[in-house]
Amino acid sequence: MYHERSYEDRLLRKVGIIFAAMLLFALIMFGLFFYSLVQDSLEERAAESIRASILNTAMQCCAVEGSYPMTLSYMEENYGLRVNDEDFLITYEAFASNVLPTVTVVPR
């Protein structure tokens, strides 16, 4: 049997659909914001891990050879260091062979 809905029923249904759409939009935006925060945190941790690996390898080189390496490529060739150059910008500045080098790792 056909029953025509009243104006109030149709209005209530439209308001419910609009509310559900707004709620879905808010949840999607919250998810994207949370994902962005997690992604940034992971990049920062990865950068710190790369920096620590470079410094540890430089200290190992100093312990073995008696001086810090002057270039990053020297550690890659002789000590098996592997760094992600595609995703991170790495600066390695060696002032002198007896001074711990300055290492900066920044996500690209």
C-alpha atoms as a PDB file:
ATOM      1  CA  MET A   1       0.000   0.000   0.000  1.00  0.00           C
ATOM      2  CA  TYR A   2       1.322   3.413  -0.963  1.00  0.00           C
ATOM      3  CA  HIS A   3       1.677   5.916   1.825  1.00  0.00           C
ATOM      4  CA  GLU A   4       2.797   9.454   1.135  1.00  0.00           C
ATOM      5  CA  ARG A   5       5.282  10.826   3.603  1.00  0.00           C
ATOM      6  CA  SER A   6       4.506  14.004   5.388  1.00  0.00           C
ATOM      7  CA  TYR A   7       6.511  17.195   4.993  1.00  0.00           C
ATOM      8  CA  GLU A   8       8.022  16.728   8.462  1.00  0.00           C
ATOM      9  CA  ASP A   9       9.168  13.188   7.619  1.00  0.00           C
ATOM     10  CA  ARG A  10      10.823  14.332   4.399  1.00  0.00           C
ATOM     11  CA  LEU A  11      12.475  17.284   6.181  1.00  0.00           C
ATOM     12  CA  LEU A  12      13.698  15.032   8.989  1.00  0.00           C
ATOM     13  CA  ARG A  13      15.137  12.592   6.453  1.00  0.00           C
ATOM     14  CA  LYS A  14      16.971  15.400   4.613  1.00  0.00           C
ATOM     15  CA  VAL A  15      18.390  16.763   7.877  1.00  0.00           C
ATOM     16  CA  GLY A  16      19.558  13.254   8.827  1.00  0.00           C
ATOM     17  CA  ILE A  17      21.309  12.803   5.481  1.00  0.00           C
ATOM     18  CA  ILE A  18      23.001  16.202   5.795  1.00  0.00           C
ATOM     19  CA  PHE A  19      24.070  15.430   9.364  1.00  0.00           C
ATOM     20  CA  ALA A  20      25.488  12.039   8.320  1.00  0.00           C
ATOM     21  CA  ALA A  21      27.400  13.651   5.432  1.00  0.00           C
ATOM     22  CA  MET A  22      28.853  16.319   7.754  1.00  0.00           C
ATOM     23  CA  LEU A  23      29.836  13.660  10.282  1.00  0.00           C
ATOM     24  CA  LEU A  24      31.521  11.594   7.583  1.00  0.00           C
ATOM     25  CA  PHE A  25      33.381  14.668   6.319  1.00  0.00           C
ATOM     26  CA  ALA A  26      34.548  15.506   9.862  1.00  0.00           C
ATOM     27  CA  LEU A  27      35.797  11.943  10.385  1.00  0.00           C
ATOM     28  CA  ILE A  28      37.694  11.987   7.095  1.00  0.00           C
ATOM     29  CA  MET A  29      39.317  15.332   7.967  1.00  0.00           C
ATOM     30  CA  PHE A  30      40.273  14.033  11.424  1.00  0.00           C
ATOM     31  CA  GLY A  31      41.774  10.918   9.835  1.00  0.00           C
ATOM     32  CA  LEU A  32      43.836  12.977   7.392  1.00  0.00           C
ATOM     33  CA  PHE A  33      45.058  15.244  10.202  1.00  0.00           C
ATOM     34  CA  PHE A  34      46.032  12.244  12.342  1.00  0.00           C
ATOM     35  CA  TYR A  35      47.803  10.592   9.392  1.00  0.00           C
ATOM     36  CA  SER A  36      49.758  13.809   8.777  1.00  0.00           C
ATOM     37  CA  LEU A  37      50.900  13.938  12.407  1.00  0.00           C
ATOM     38  CA  VAL A  38      51.999  10.306  12.362  1.00  0.00           C
ATOM     39  CA  GLN A  39      53.818  10.740   9.046  1.00  0.00           C
ATOM     40  CA  ASP A  40      55.724  13.786  10.334  1.00  0.00           C
ATOM     41  CA  SER A  41      56.701  11.924  13.491  1.00  0.00           C
ATOM     42  CA  LEU A  42      57.968   8.959  11.479  1.00  0.00           C
ATOM     43  CA  GLU A  43      60.053  11.207   9.228  1.00  0.00           C
ATOM     44  CA  GLU A  44      61.609  12.931  12.237  1.00  0.00           C
ATOM     45  CA  ARG A  45      62.478   9.588  13.828  1.00  0.00           C
ATOM     46  CA  ALA A  46      63.966   8.297  10.585  1.00  0.00           C
ATOM     47  CA  ALA A  47      66.081  11.447  10.231  1.00  0.00           C
ATOM     48  CA  GLU A  48      67.353  11.103  13.797  1.00  0.00           C
ATOM     49  CA  SER A  49      68.141   7.435  13.212  1.00  0.00           C
ATOM     50  CA  ILE A  50      70.164   8.240  10.091  1.00  0.00           C
ATOM     51  CA  ARG A  51      72.033  10.986  11.948  1.00  0.00           C
ATOM     52  CA  ALA A  52      72.849   8.617  14.817  1.00  0.00           C
ATOM     53  CA  SER A  53      74.067   5.957  12.378  1.00  0.00           C
ATOM     54  CA  ILE A  54      76.380   8.422  10.656  1.00  0.00           C
ATOM     55  CA  LEU A  55      77.819   9.656  13.954  1.00  0.00           C
ATOM     56  CA  ASN A  56      78.272   6.110  15.285  1.00  0.00           C
ATOM     57  CA  THR A  57      80.091   5.105  12.116  1.00  0.00           C
ATOM     58  CA  ALA A  58      82.298   8.216  12.345  1.00  0.00           C
ATOM     59  CA  MET A  59      83.174   7.349  15.960  1.00  0.00           C
ATOM     60  CA  GLN A  60      83.927   3.763  14.951  1.00  0.00           C
ATOM     61  CA  CYS A  61      86.215   5.056  12.204  1.00  0.00           C
ATOM     62  CA  CYS A  62      87.976   7.317  14.703  1.00  0.00           C
ATOM     63  CA  ALA A  63      88.462   4.419  17.112  1.00  0.00           C
ATOM     64  CA  VAL A  64      89.938   2.212  14.389  1.00  0.00           C
ATOM     65  CA  GLU A  65      91.981   4.735  12.400  1.00  0.00           C
ATOM     66  CA  GLY A  66      92.655   7.468  14.959  1.00  0.00           C
ATOM     67  CA  SER A  67      90.835  10.264  13.095  1.00  0.00           C
ATOM     68  CA  TYR A  68      87.356  11.128  11.993  1.00  0.00           C
ATOM     69  CA  PRO A  69      86.581  10.647   8.283  1.00  0.00           C
ATOM     70  CA  MET A  70      86.518  13.801   6.195  1.00  0.00           C
ATOM     71  CA  THR A  71      83.686  12.693   3.893  1.00  0.00           C
ATOM     72  CA  LEU A  72      80.496  10.696   4.121  1.00  0.00           C
ATOM     73  CA  SER A  73      81.435   8.701   1.043  1.00  0.00           C
ATOM     74  CA  TYR A  74      84.560   7.396   2.825  1.00  0.00           C
ATOM     75  CA  MET A  75      82.364   5.766   5.465  1.00  0.00           C
ATOM     76  CA  GLU A  76      80.059   4.367   2.786  1.00  0.00           C
ATOM     77  CA  GLU A  77      82.977   2.771   0.939  1.00  0.00           C
ATOM     78  CA  ASN A  78      85.029   1.513   3.892  1.00  0.00           C
ATOM     79  CA  TYR A  79      82.570   0.949   6.744  1.00  0.00           C
ATOM     80  CA  GLY A  80      79.407  -0.230   4.967  1.00  0.00           C
ATOM     81  CA  LEU A  81      77.320   2.801   5.886  1.00  0.00           C
ATOM     82  CA  ARG A  82      74.091   3.067   3.857  1.00  0.00           C
ATOM     83  CA  VAL A  83      71.979   6.235   3.938  1.00  0.00           C
ATOM     84  CA  ASN A  84      68.779   7.207   2.138  1.00  0.00           C
ATOM     85  CA  ASP A  85      69.851  10.119  -0.064  1.00  0.00           C
ATOM     86  CA  GLU A  86      66.586  10.171  -1.995  1.00  0.00           C
ATOM     87  CA  ASP A  87      64.287  10.974   0.930  1.00  0.00           C
ATOM     88  CA  PHE A  88      66.672  12.945   3.146  1.00  0.00           C
ATOM     89  CA  LEU A  89      69.067  15.840   2.647  1.00  0.00           C
ATOM     90  CA  ILE A  90      72.265  15.052   4.536  1.00  0.00           C
ATOM     91  CA  THR A  91      75.067  17.481   5.305  1.00  0.00           C
ATOM     92  CA  TYR A  92      78.322  16.154   6.743  1.00  0.00           C
ATOM     93  CA  GLU A  93      80.814  18.811   7.814  1.00  0.00           C
ATOM     94  CA  ALA A  94      84.200  17.721   9.100  1.00  0.00           C
ATOM     95  CA  PHE A  95      86.191  20.617  10.589  1.00  0.00           C
ATOM     96  CA  ALA A  96      89.318  18.679  11.495  1.00  0.00           C
ATOM     97  CA  SER A  97      90.321  15.051  11.801  1.00  0.00           C
ATOM     98  CA  ASN A  98      90.280  15.235  15.618  1.00  0.00           C
ATOM     99  CA  VAL A  99      86.881  16.981  15.977  1.00  0.00           C
ATOM    100  CA  LEU A 100      83.544  15.138  15.784  1.00  0.00           C
ATOM    101  CA  PRO A 101      81.873  16.108  12.479  1.00  0.00           C
ATOM    102  CA  THR A 102      78.600  18.020  12.348  1.00  0.00           C
ATOM    103  CA  VAL A 103      75.777  16.016  10.773  1.00  0.00           C
ATOM    104  CA  THR A 104      72.404  17.433   9.752  1.00  0.00           C
ATOM    105  CA  VAL A 105      69.626  15.254   8.320  1.00  0.00           C
ATOM    106  CA  VAL A 106      66.458  16.892   6.985  1.00  0.00           C
ATOM    107  CA  PRO A 107      63.531  15.180   5.244  1.00  0.00           C
ATOM    108  CA  ARG A 108      63.048  16.357   1.667  1.00  0.00           C
END
